[in-house]
PDB file of N, CA and C in Angstrom:
ATOM      1  N   MET A   1     -49.438  28.856  20.543  1.00  0.00           N
ATOM      2  CA  MET A   1     -49.678  30.199  21.076  1.00  0.00           C
ATOM      3  C   MET A   1     -48.895  30.610  22.198  1.00  0.00           C
ATOM      4  N   ARG A   2     -48.166  31.716  22.168  1.00  0.00           N
ATOM      5  CA  ARG A   2     -47.391  32.129  23.241  1.00  0.00           C
ATOM      6  C   ARG A   2     -48.054  33.345  23.801  1.00  0.00           C
ATOM      7  N   PRO A   3     -48.258  33.210  25.100  1.00  0.00           N
ATOM      8  CA  PRO A   3     -48.666  34.403  25.879  1.00  0.00           C
ATOM      9  C   PRO A   3     -47.774  35.663  25.893  1.00  0.00           C
ATOM     10  N   LEU A   4     -48.354  36.919  25.997  1.00  0.00           N
ATOM     11  CA  LEU A   4     -47.503  37.913  26.175  1.00  0.00           C
ATOM     12  C   LEU A   4     -46.680  37.896  27.474  1.00  0.00           C
ATOM     13  N   GLN A   5     -45.550  38.208  27.316  1.00  0.00           N
ATOM     14  CA  GLN A   5     -44.586  38.407  28.633  1.00  0.00           C
ATOM     15  C   GLN A   5     -43.644  39.643  28.836  1.00  0.00           C
ATOM     16  N   GLY A   6     -42.817  39.593  29.225  1.00  0.00           N
ATOM     17  CA  GLY A   6     -41.852  40.640  29.370  1.00  0.00           C
ATOM     18  C   GLY A   6     -42.135  41.605  30.115  1.00  0.00           C
ATOM     19  N   ASP A   7     -42.565  42.913  29.833  1.00  0.00           N
ATOM     20  CA  ASP A   7     -42.780  43.965  30.871  1.00  0.00           C
ATOM     21  C   ASP A   7     -44.247  44.239  31.024  1.00  0.00           C
ATOM     22  N   VAL A   8     -45.002  43.104  30.655  1.00  0.00           N
ATOM     23  CA  VAL A   8     -46.425  43.154  30.767  1.00  0.00           C
ATOM     24  C   VAL A   8     -46.781  42.649  32.366  1.00  0.00           C
ATOM     25  N   PRO A   9     -47.632  43.491  32.967  1.00  0.00           N
ATOM     26  CA  PRO A   9     -47.819  43.088  34.240  1.00  0.00           C
ATOM     27  C   PRO A   9     -48.452  41.664  34.307  1.00  0.00           C
ATOM     28  N   GLU A  10     -48.392  41.136  35.453  1.00  0.00           N
ATOM     29  CA  GLU A  10     -48.988  39.561  35.787  1.00  0.00           C
ATOM     30  C   GLU A  10     -50.419  39.753  35.478  1.00  0.00           C
ATOM     31  N   GLU A  11     -51.302  40.790  36.011  1.00  0.00           N
ATOM     32  CA  GLU A  11     -52.737  40.593  35.873  1.00  0.00           C
ATOM     33  C   GLU A  11     -53.318  41.038  34.556  1.00  0.00           C
ATOM     34  N   THR A  12     -52.337  41.145  33.677  1.00  0.00           N
ATOM     35  CA  THR A  12     -52.786  41.464  32.286  1.00  0.00           C
ATOM     36  C   THR A  12     -52.435  40.737  31.331  1.00  0.00           C
ATOM     37  N   ARG A  13     -51.686  39.549  31.597  1.00  0.00           N
ATOM     38  CA  ARG A  13     -50.978  38.402  30.789  1.00  0.00           C
ATOM     39  C   ARG A  13     -52.304  37.483  30.574  1.00  0.00           C
ATOM     40  N   ASN A  14     -52.022  36.916  29.270  1.00  0.00           N
ATOM     41  CA  ASN A  14     -53.016  36.046  28.724  1.00  0.00           C
ATOM     42  C   ASN A  14     -54.343  36.423  28.330  1.00  0.00           C
ATOM     43  N   ILE A  15     -54.309  37.888  28.213  1.00  0.00           N
ATOM     44  CA  ILE A  15     -55.877  38.521  27.685  1.00  0.00           C
ATOM     45  C   ILE A  15     -56.110  38.189  26.177  1.00  0.00           C
ATOM     46  N   LEU A  16     -54.847  38.025  25.555  1.00  0.00           N
ATOM     47  CA  LEU A  16     -54.992  37.526  24.090  1.00  0.00           C
ATOM     48  C   LEU A  16     -54.830  36.284  23.926  1.00  0.00           C
ATOM     49  N   ASP A  17     -55.567  35.713  22.882  1.00  0.00           N
ATOM     50  CA  ASP A  17     -55.418  34.185  22.612  1.00  0.00           C
ATOM     51  C   ASP A  17     -54.007  34.106  22.095  1.00  0.00           C
ATOM     52  N   ALA A  18     -53.470  34.851  21.367  1.00  0.00           N
ATOM     53  CA  ALA A  18     -52.191  34.633  20.711  1.00  0.00           C
ATOM     54  C   ALA A  18     -51.195  35.694  20.779  1.00  0.00           C
ATOM     55  N   ASP A  19     -49.952  35.518  20.326  1.00  0.00           N
ATOM     56  CA  ASP A  19     -48.849  36.719  20.391  1.00  0.00           C
ATOM     57  C   ASP A  19     -49.360  37.712  19.132  1.00  0.00           C
ATOM     58  N   VAL A  20     -49.557  39.054  19.435  1.00  0.00           N
ATOM     59  CA  VAL A  20     -49.854  39.621  18.280  1.00  0.00           C
ATOM     60  C   VAL A  20     -48.861  39.965  17.418  1.00  0.00           C
ATOM     61  N   PHE A  21     -47.415  39.596  17.772  1.00  0.00           N
ATOM     62  CA  PHE A  21     -46.386  40.002  16.989  1.00  0.00           C
ATOM     63  C   PHE A  21     -46.207  38.961  16.160  1.00  0.00           C
ATOM     64  N   ALA A  22     -46.854  37.722  16.139  1.00  0.00           N
ATOM     65  CA  ALA A  22     -46.629  36.639  15.380  1.00  0.00           C
ATOM     66  C   ALA A  22     -48.067  36.089  14.563  1.00  0.00           C
ATOM     67  N   THR A  23     -49.131  36.282  15.417  1.00  0.00           N
ATOM     68  CA  THR A  23     -50.284  36.119  14.703  1.00  0.00           C
ATOM     69  C   THR A  23     -51.116  37.144  14.373  1.00  0.00           C
ATOM     70  N   LEU A  24     -51.794  37.407  13.237  1.00  0.00           N
ATOM     71  CA  LEU A  24     -52.449  38.620  13.021  1.00  0.00           C
ATOM     72  C   LEU A  24     -53.893  38.431  13.712  1.00  0.00           C
ATOM     73  N   ASP A  25     -54.180  39.513  14.293  1.00  0.00           N
ATOM     74  CA  ASP A  25     -55.847  39.931  14.790  1.00  0.00           C
ATOM     75  C   ASP A  25     -56.719  40.295  13.796  1.00  0.00           C
ATOM     76  N   GLN A  26     -57.266  39.037  13.355  1.00  0.00           N
ATOM     77  CA  GLN A  26     -58.190  39.142  12.361  1.00  0.00           C
ATOM     78  C   GLN A  26     -59.198  39.920  12.502  1.00  0.00           C
ATOM     79  N   GLY A  27     -59.914  40.018  13.639  1.00  0.00           N
ATOM     80  CA  GLY A  27     -60.896  40.794  14.008  1.00  0.00           C
ATOM     81  C   GLY A  27     -60.894  42.410  14.131  1.00  0.00           C
ATOM     82  N   GLY A  28     -59.651  42.704  14.340  1.00  0.00           N
ATOM     83  CA  GLY A  28     -59.228  44.057  14.472  1.00  0.00           C
ATOM     84  C   GLY A  28     -58.315  44.614  13.248  1.00  0.00           C
ATOM     85  N   VAL A  29     -57.058  44.138  13.223  1.00  0.00           N
ATOM     86  CA  VAL A  29     -56.137  44.578  12.060  1.00  0.00           C
ATOM     87  C   VAL A  29     -56.765  43.966  10.729  1.00  0.00           C
ATOM     88  N   GLY A  30     -57.228  42.992  10.897  1.00  0.00           N
ATOM     89  CA  GLY A  30     -57.789  41.959   9.450  1.00  0.00           C
ATOM     90  C   GLY A  30     -58.793  42.945   9.173  1.00  0.00           C
ATOM     91  N   GLN A  31     -59.547  43.496   9.812  1.00  0.00           N
ATOM     92  CA  GLN A  31     -60.542  44.274   8.917  1.00  0.00           C
ATOM     93  C   GLN A  31     -60.192  45.370   8.454  1.00  0.00           C
ATOM     94  N   LEU A  32     -58.941  45.768   8.786  1.00  0.00           N
ATOM     95  CA  LEU A  32     -58.294  47.146   8.337  1.00  0.00           C
ATOM     96  C   LEU A  32     -57.580  46.655   6.928  1.00  0.00           C
ATOM     97  N   ILE A  33     -57.083  45.444   7.036  1.00  0.00           N
ATOM     98  CA  ILE A  33     -56.437  44.976   5.634  1.00  0.00           C
ATOM     99  C   ILE A  33     -57.493  44.776   4.881  1.00  0.00           C
ATOM    100  N   GLN A  34     -58.860  44.141   5.122  1.00  0.00           N
ATOM    101  CA  GLN A  34     -59.739  43.876   4.033  1.00  0.00           C
ATOM    102  C   GLN A  34     -60.198  45.031   3.436  1.00  0.00           C
ATOM    103  N   MET A  35     -60.310  46.099   4.525  1.00  0.00           N
ATOM    104  CA  MET A  35     -60.838  47.246   3.815  1.00  0.00           C
ATOM    105  C   MET A  35     -59.998  47.748   2.711  1.00  0.00           C
ATOM    106  N   GLY A  36     -58.537  47.849   3.147  1.00  0.00           N
ATOM    107  CA  GLY A  36     -57.474  48.303   2.304  1.00  0.00           C
ATOM    108  C   GLY A  36     -57.512  47.677   0.881  1.00  0.00           C
ATOM    109  N   VAL A  37     -57.573  46.378   1.150  1.00  0.00           N
ATOM    110  CA  VAL A  37     -57.554  45.723  -0.117  1.00  0.00           C
ATOM    111  C   VAL A  37     -58.920  45.942  -1.098  1.00  0.00           C
ATOM    112  N   GLN A  38     -59.900  46.203  -0.327  1.00  0.00           N
ATOM    113  CA  GLN A  38     -60.999  46.222  -1.420  1.00  0.00           C
ATOM    114  C   GLN A  38     -61.174  47.885  -1.901  1.00  0.00           C
ATOM    115  N   LYS A  39     -60.653  48.690  -0.924  1.00  0.00           N
ATOM    116  CA  LYS A  39     -60.805  50.105  -1.649  1.00  0.00           C
ATOM    117  C   LYS A  39     -59.525  50.379  -2.482  1.00  0.00           C
ATOM    118  N   GLY A  40     -58.252  49.650  -2.132  1.00  0.00           N
ATOM    119  CA  GLY A  40     -57.288  49.753  -3.053  1.00  0.00           C
ATOM    120  C   GLY A  40     -57.537  49.206  -4.613  1.00  0.00           C
ATOM    121  N   ARG A  41     -58.204  47.850  -4.520  1.00  0.00           N
ATOM    122  CA  ARG A  41     -58.375  47.168  -5.627  1.00  0.00           C
ATOM    123  C   ARG A  41     -59.886  47.910  -6.352  1.00  0.00           C
ATOM    124  N   ALA A  42     -60.353  48.580  -5.651  1.00  0.00           N
ATOM    125  CA  ALA A  42     -61.562  49.251  -6.357  1.00  0.00           C
ATOM    126  C   ALA A  42     -61.068  50.256  -7.329  1.00  0.00           C
ATOM    127  N   THR A  43     -59.961  51.072  -6.819  1.00  0.00           N
ATOM    128  CA  THR A  43     -59.208  51.996  -7.561  1.00  0.00           C
ATOM    129  C   THR A  43     -58.362  51.480  -8.539  1.00  0.00           C
ATOM    130  N   ARG A  44     -57.650  50.314  -8.348  1.00  0.00           N
ATOM    131  CA  ARG A  44     -56.509  49.755  -9.135  1.00  0.00           C
ATOM    132  C   ARG A  44     -56.762  48.377  -9.171  1.00  0.00           C
ATOM    133  N   PRO A  45     -57.659  47.724  -9.914  1.00  0.00           N
ATOM    134  CA  PRO A  45     -58.067  46.374  -9.946  1.00  0.00           C
ATOM    135  C   PRO A  45     -56.948  45.487  -9.805  1.00  0.00           C
ATOM    136  N   ASN A  46     -55.611  45.761 -10.612  1.00  0.00           N
ATOM    137  CA  ASN A  46     -54.541  45.093 -10.637  1.00  0.00           C
ATOM    138  C   ASN A  46     -53.540  45.046  -9.339  1.00  0.00           C
ATOM    139  N   LEU A  47     -53.900  45.887  -8.484  1.00  0.00           N
ATOM    140  CA  LEU A  47     -52.945  46.126  -7.284  1.00  0.00           C
ATOM    141  C   LEU A  47     -52.574  44.800  -6.544  1.00  0.00           C
ATOM    142  N   LYS A  48     -51.303  44.764  -6.391  1.00  0.00           N
ATOM    143  CA  LYS A  48     -50.485  43.766  -5.718  1.00  0.00           C
ATOM    144  C   LYS A  48     -50.527  44.142  -4.268  1.00  0.00           C
ATOM    145  N   VAL A  49     -50.843  43.379  -3.513  1.00  0.00           N
ATOM    146  CA  VAL A  49     -50.987  43.384  -1.916  1.00  0.00           C
ATOM    147  C   VAL A  49     -50.477  42.278  -1.131  1.00  0.00           C
ATOM    148  N   GLY A  50     -49.809  42.495  -0.171  1.00  0.00           N
ATOM    149  CA  GLY A  50     -49.240  41.442   0.673  1.00  0.00           C
ATOM    150  C   GLY A  50     -48.731  42.066   1.841  1.00  0.00           C
ATOM    151  N   ILE A  51     -48.202  41.069   2.694  1.00  0.00           N
ATOM    152  CA  ILE A  51     -47.744  41.416   4.004  1.00  0.00           C
ATOM    153  C   ILE A  51     -46.373  40.985   4.356  1.00  0.00           C
ATOM    154  N   CYS A  52     -45.530  41.643   4.935  1.00  0.00           N
ATOM    155  CA  CYS A  52     -44.298  41.209   5.218  1.00  0.00           C
ATOM    156  C   CYS A  52     -43.951  40.997   7.033  1.00  0.00           C
ATOM    157  N   GLY A  53     -43.444  40.024   7.425  1.00  0.00           N
ATOM    158  CA  GLY A  53     -43.013  39.933   8.647  1.00  0.00           C
ATOM    159  C   GLY A  53     -43.484  38.417   9.445  1.00  0.00           C
ATOM    160  N   GLU A  54     -43.304  38.388  10.647  1.00  0.00           N
ATOM    161  CA  GLU A  54     -43.652  37.020  11.282  1.00  0.00           C
ATOM    162  C   GLU A  54     -45.105  36.702  11.087  1.00  0.00           C
ATOM    163  N   HIS A  55     -46.014  37.583  10.730  1.00  0.00           N
ATOM    164  CA  HIS A  55     -47.344  37.377  10.559  1.00  0.00           C
ATOM    165  C   HIS A  55     -47.414  36.440   9.054  1.00  0.00           C
ATOM    166  N   GLY A  56     -46.493  36.684   8.304  1.00  0.00           N
ATOM    167  CA  GLY A  56     -46.499  36.026   6.961  1.00  0.00           C
ATOM    168  C   GLY A  56     -46.031  34.484   7.217  1.00  0.00           C
ATOM    169  N   GLY A  57     -45.649  34.148   8.315  1.00  0.00           N
ATOM    170  CA  GLY A  57     -45.188  32.856   8.613  1.00  0.00           C
ATOM    171  C   GLY A  57     -46.022  31.829   9.595  1.00  0.00           C
ATOM    172  N   ASP A  58     -47.320  32.586   9.942  1.00  0.00           N
ATOM    173  CA  ASP A  58     -48.163  31.895  10.764  1.00  0.00           C
ATOM    174  C   ASP A  58     -49.433  31.474  10.096  1.00  0.00           C
ATOM    175  N   PRO A  59     -49.591  30.092  10.021  1.00  0.00           N
ATOM    176  CA  PRO A  59     -50.711  29.429   9.432  1.00  0.00           C
ATOM    177  C   PRO A  59     -51.877  29.960   9.357  1.00  0.00           C
ATOM    178  N   LYS A  60     -52.363  30.489  10.647  1.00  0.00           N
ATOM    179  CA  LYS A  60     -53.886  31.244  10.819  1.00  0.00           C
ATOM    180  C   LYS A  60     -53.760  32.490   9.911  1.00  0.00           C
ATOM    181  N   SER A  61     -52.581  33.312   9.909  1.00  0.00           N
ATOM    182  CA  SER A  61     -52.389  34.398   9.348  1.00  0.00           C
ATOM    183  C   SER A  61     -52.393  34.427   7.790  1.00  0.00           C
ATOM    184  N   VAL A  62     -51.585  33.354   7.398  1.00  0.00           N
ATOM    185  CA  VAL A  62     -51.507  32.928   6.009  1.00  0.00           C
ATOM    186  C   VAL A  62     -52.846  32.651   5.368  1.00  0.00           C
ATOM    187  N   GLU A  63     -53.800  31.873   6.037  1.00  0.00           N
ATOM    188  CA  GLU A  63     -54.778  31.507   5.635  1.00  0.00           C
ATOM    189  C   GLU A  63     -55.995  32.676   5.445  1.00  0.00           C
ATOM    190  N   PHE A  64     -55.820  33.381   6.320  1.00  0.00           N
ATOM    191  CA  PHE A  64     -56.760  34.827   6.568  1.00  0.00           C
ATOM    192  C   PHE A  64     -56.339  35.586   5.287  1.00  0.00           C
ATOM    193  N   CYS A  65     -55.034  35.393   5.035  1.00  0.00           N
ATOM    194  CA  CYS A  65     -54.556  36.451   3.689  1.00  0.00           C
ATOM    195  C   CYS A  65     -55.014  35.898   2.422  1.00  0.00           C
ATOM    196  N   HIS A  66     -55.047  34.711   2.411  1.00  0.00           N
ATOM    197  CA  HIS A  66     -55.486  33.984   1.226  1.00  0.00           C
ATOM    198  C   HIS A  66     -57.036  34.241   0.869  1.00  0.00           C
ATOM    199  N   ARG A  67     -57.809  33.960   1.880  1.00  0.00           N
ATOM    200  CA  ARG A  67     -59.461  34.444   2.073  1.00  0.00           C
ATOM    201  C   ARG A  67     -59.440  35.877   1.559  1.00  0.00           C
ATOM    202  N   THR A  68     -58.512  36.813   2.128  1.00  0.00           N
ATOM    203  CA  THR A  68     -58.690  38.095   2.048  1.00  0.00           C
ATOM    204  C   THR A  68     -58.290  38.605   0.564  1.00  0.00           C
ATOM    205  N   GLY A  69     -57.562  37.671  -0.193  1.00  0.00           N
ATOM    206  CA  GLY A  69     -57.425  38.215  -1.428  1.00  0.00           C
ATOM    207  C   GLY A  69     -55.758  38.655  -1.640  1.00  0.00           C
ATOM    208  N   LEU A  70     -54.810  38.352  -0.881  1.00  0.00           N
ATOM    209  CA  LEU A  70     -53.599  38.997  -0.814  1.00  0.00           C
ATOM    210  C   LEU A  70     -52.692  38.252  -2.008  1.00  0.00           C
ATOM    211  N   ASP A  71     -51.934  38.853  -2.471  1.00  0.00           N
ATOM    212  CA  ASP A  71     -51.184  38.109  -3.318  1.00  0.00           C
ATOM    213  C   ASP A  71     -49.915  37.391  -2.905  1.00  0.00           C
ATOM    214  N   TYR A  72     -49.319  37.844  -1.709  1.00  0.00           N
ATOM    215  CA  TYR A  72     -48.386  37.309  -1.284  1.00  0.00           C
ATOM    216  C   TYR A  72     -47.910  37.424   0.402  1.00  0.00           C
ATOM    217  N   VAL A  73     -47.299  36.617   0.884  1.00  0.00           N
ATOM    218  CA  VAL A  73     -46.738  36.896   2.367  1.00  0.00           C
ATOM    219  C   VAL A  73     -45.311  36.697   2.150  1.00  0.00           C
ATOM    220  N   SER A  74     -44.788  37.400   3.107  1.00  0.00           N
ATOM    221  CA  SER A  74     -43.176  37.287   3.308  1.00  0.00           C
ATOM    222  C   SER A  74     -42.883  37.317   4.771  1.00  0.00           C
ATOM    223  N   CYS A  75     -41.774  36.429   5.092  1.00  0.00           N
ATOM    224  CA  CYS A  75     -41.571  36.104   6.478  1.00  0.00           C
ATOM    225  C   CYS A  75     -40.092  35.703   6.739  1.00  0.00           C
ATOM    226  N   SER A  76     -39.598  35.538   7.700  1.00  0.00           N
ATOM    227  CA  SER A  76     -38.365  34.886   8.040  1.00  0.00           C
ATOM    228  C   SER A  76     -38.115  33.717   7.284  1.00  0.00           C
ATOM    229  N   PRO A  77     -36.740  33.183   6.893  1.00  0.00           N
ATOM    230  CA  PRO A  77     -36.678  32.346   6.083  1.00  0.00           C
ATOM    231  C   PRO A  77     -36.896  31.110   6.679  1.00  0.00           C
ATOM    232  N   TYR A  78     -36.656  30.706   8.143  1.00  0.00           N
ATOM    233  CA  TYR A  78     -37.150  29.433   8.950  1.00  0.00           C
ATOM    234  C   TYR A  78     -38.617  29.285   8.913  1.00  0.00           C
ATOM    235  N   ARG A  79     -39.281  30.272   8.462  1.00  0.00           N
ATOM    236  CA  ARG A  79     -40.901  30.136   8.456  1.00  0.00           C
ATOM    237  C   ARG A  79     -41.142  29.837   7.055  1.00  0.00           C
ATOM    238  N   VAL A  80     -40.492  30.020   6.372  1.00  0.00           N
ATOM    239  CA  VAL A  80     -40.995  29.888   4.710  1.00  0.00           C
ATOM    240  C   VAL A  80     -41.765  28.336   4.625  1.00  0.00           C
ATOM    241  N   PRO A  81     -41.112  27.434   4.926  1.00  0.00           N
ATOM    242  CA  PRO A  81     -41.576  26.066   4.669  1.00  0.00           C
ATOM    243  C   PRO A  81     -43.086  25.871   5.450  1.00  0.00           C
ATOM    244  N   ILE A  82     -43.329  26.734   6.475  1.00  0.00           N
ATOM    245  CA  ILE A  82     -44.544  26.464   7.174  1.00  0.00           C
ATOM    246  C   ILE A  82     -45.414  27.506   6.424  1.00  0.00           C
ATOM    247  N   ALA A  83     -45.127  28.514   6.158  1.00  0.00           N
ATOM    248  CA  ALA A  83     -46.188  29.484   5.122  1.00  0.00           C
ATOM    249  C   ALA A  83     -46.350  28.928   4.047  1.00  0.00           C
ATOM    250  N   ARG A  84     -45.670  28.125   3.253  1.00  0.00           N
ATOM    251  CA  ARG A  84     -45.848  27.473   1.793  1.00  0.00           C
ATOM    252  C   ARG A  84     -46.972  26.238   2.100  1.00  0.00           C
ATOM    253  N   LEU A  85     -46.534  25.686   3.269  1.00  0.00           N
ATOM    254  CA  LEU A  85     -47.594  24.656   3.596  1.00  0.00           C
ATOM    255  C   LEU A  85     -49.136  25.167   4.013  1.00  0.00           C
ATOM    256  N   ALA A  86     -49.112  26.045   4.742  1.00  0.00           N
ATOM    257  CA  ALA A  86     -50.226  26.780   4.906  1.00  0.00           C
ATOM    258  C   ALA A  86     -50.893  27.270   3.964  1.00  0.00           C
ATOM    259  N   ALA A  87     -50.322  27.829   2.955  1.00  0.00           N
ATOM    260  CA  ALA A  87     -51.026  28.557   1.776  1.00  0.00           C
ATOM    261  C   ALA A  87     -51.491  27.441   0.876  1.00  0.00           C
ATOM    262  N   ALA A  88     -50.883  26.319   0.834  1.00  0.00           N
ATOM    263  CA  ALA A  88     -51.410  25.031   0.104  1.00  0.00           C
ATOM    264  C   ALA A  88     -52.719  24.791   0.848  1.00  0.00           C
ATOM    265  N   GLN A  89     -52.626  24.491   2.102  1.00  0.00           N
ATOM    266  CA  GLN A  89     -53.608  24.058   2.683  1.00  0.00           C
ATOM    267  C   GLN A  89     -54.959  24.911   2.641  1.00  0.00           C
ATOM    268  N   ALA A  90     -54.634  26.304   2.689  1.00  0.00           N
ATOM    269  CA  ALA A  90     -55.607  27.248   2.400  1.00  0.00           C
ATOM    270  C   ALA A  90     -56.222  27.052   1.042  1.00  0.00           C
ATOM    271  N   VAL A  91     -55.725  26.829  -0.144  1.00  0.00           N
ATOM    272  CA  VAL A  91     -56.197  26.694  -1.425  1.00  0.00           C
ATOM    273  C   VAL A  91     -56.835  25.380  -1.471  1.00  0.00           C
ATOM    274  N   LEU A  92     -56.413  24.337  -0.981  1.00  0.00           N
ATOM    275  CA  LEU A  92     -57.221  23.196  -0.781  1.00  0.00           C
ATOM    276  C   LEU A  92     -58.565  23.176  -0.263  1.00  0.00           C
ATOM    277  N   ARG A  93     -58.504  23.874   1.095  1.00  0.00           N
ATOM    278  CA  ARG A  93     -59.746  24.017   1.896  1.00  0.00           C
ATOM    279  C   ARG A  93     -60.759  24.716   0.833  1.00  0.00           C
ATOM    280  N   GLU A  94     -60.169  26.055   0.246  1.00  0.00           N
ATOM    281  CA  GLU A  94     -61.262  26.766  -0.542  1.00  0.00           C
ATOM    282  C   GLU A  94     -61.820  25.865  -1.815  1.00  0.00           C
ATOM    283  N   ARG A  95     -60.984  24.904  -2.322  1.00  0.00           N
ATOM    284  CA  ARG A  95     -61.360  24.205  -3.578  1.00  0.00           C
ATOM    285  C   ARG A  95     -62.239  23.051  -3.050  1.00  0.00           C
ATOM    286  N   SER A  96     -62.145  22.330  -1.664  1.00  0.00           N
ATOM    287  CA  SER A  96     -62.988  21.664  -1.140  1.00  0.00           C
ATOM    288  C   SER A  96     -64.350  22.295  -0.920  1.00  0.00           C
ATOM    289  N   ALA A  97     -64.340  23.572  -0.318  1.00  0.00           N
ATOM    290  CA  ALA A  97     -65.674  24.272   0.010  1.00  0.00           C
ATOM    291  C   ALA A  97     -66.492  24.636  -1.245  1.00  0.00           C
ATOM    292  N   ALA A  98     -65.669  24.903  -2.419  1.00  0.00           N
ATOM    293  CA  ALA A  98     -66.344  25.328  -3.828  1.00  0.00           C
ATOM    294  C   ALA A  98     -66.848  23.990  -4.037  1.00  0.00           C
ATOM    295  N   GLN A  99     -66.260  22.944  -4.340  1.00  0.00           N
ATOM    296  CA  GLN A  99     -66.736  21.553  -4.679  1.00  0.00           C
ATOM    297  C   GLN A  99     -68.006  21.129  -3.854  1.00  0.00           C
ATOM    298  N   ALA A 100     -68.055  21.230  -2.554  1.00  0.00           N
ATOM    299  CA  ALA A 100     -69.027  21.028  -1.686  1.00  0.00           C
ATOM    300  C   ALA A 100     -70.307  21.907  -2.033  1.00  0.00           C
ATOM    301  N   LYS A 101     -70.045  23.161  -2.281  1.00  0.00           N
ATOM    302  CA  LYS A 101     -71.261  24.155  -2.870  1.00  0.00           C
ATOM    303  C   LYS A 101     -71.977  23.534  -4.011  1.00  0.00           C
ATOM    304  N   LYS A 102     -71.117  22.894  -4.971  1.00  0.00           N
ATOM    305  CA  LYS A 102     -71.746  22.583  -6.223  1.00  0.00           C
ATOM    306  C   LYS A 102     -72.465  21.455  -6.403  1.00  0.00           C
ATOM    307  N   LYS A 103     -72.621  20.476  -4.981  1.00  0.00           N
ATOM    308  CA  LYS A 103     -73.118  19.099  -4.893  1.00  0.00           C
ATOM    309  C   LYS A 103     -74.604  19.593  -4.387  1.00  0.00           C
TER     310      LYS A 103
END
């Protein structure tokens, strides 16, 4: 996690846990994404939804997108391996949780 820098005054740095330009704010923007997916698919069940940008290569953001039901994420080429690994891990976590519930 990188702290915000640049033109941000010293006393307001490190207010956020992560760089909002690289990691999705799940409590704020994430709720809007969830609402958009739910309402969009209520109208059109086969609606394809995804995100594009650096958030698509962040492991925490990729896992959130999986849990929210997004169909795809897109990111910079150098982040694709990280995104693919994060997506696979999210699926494995989901399967593990489902198996644990069955027991």
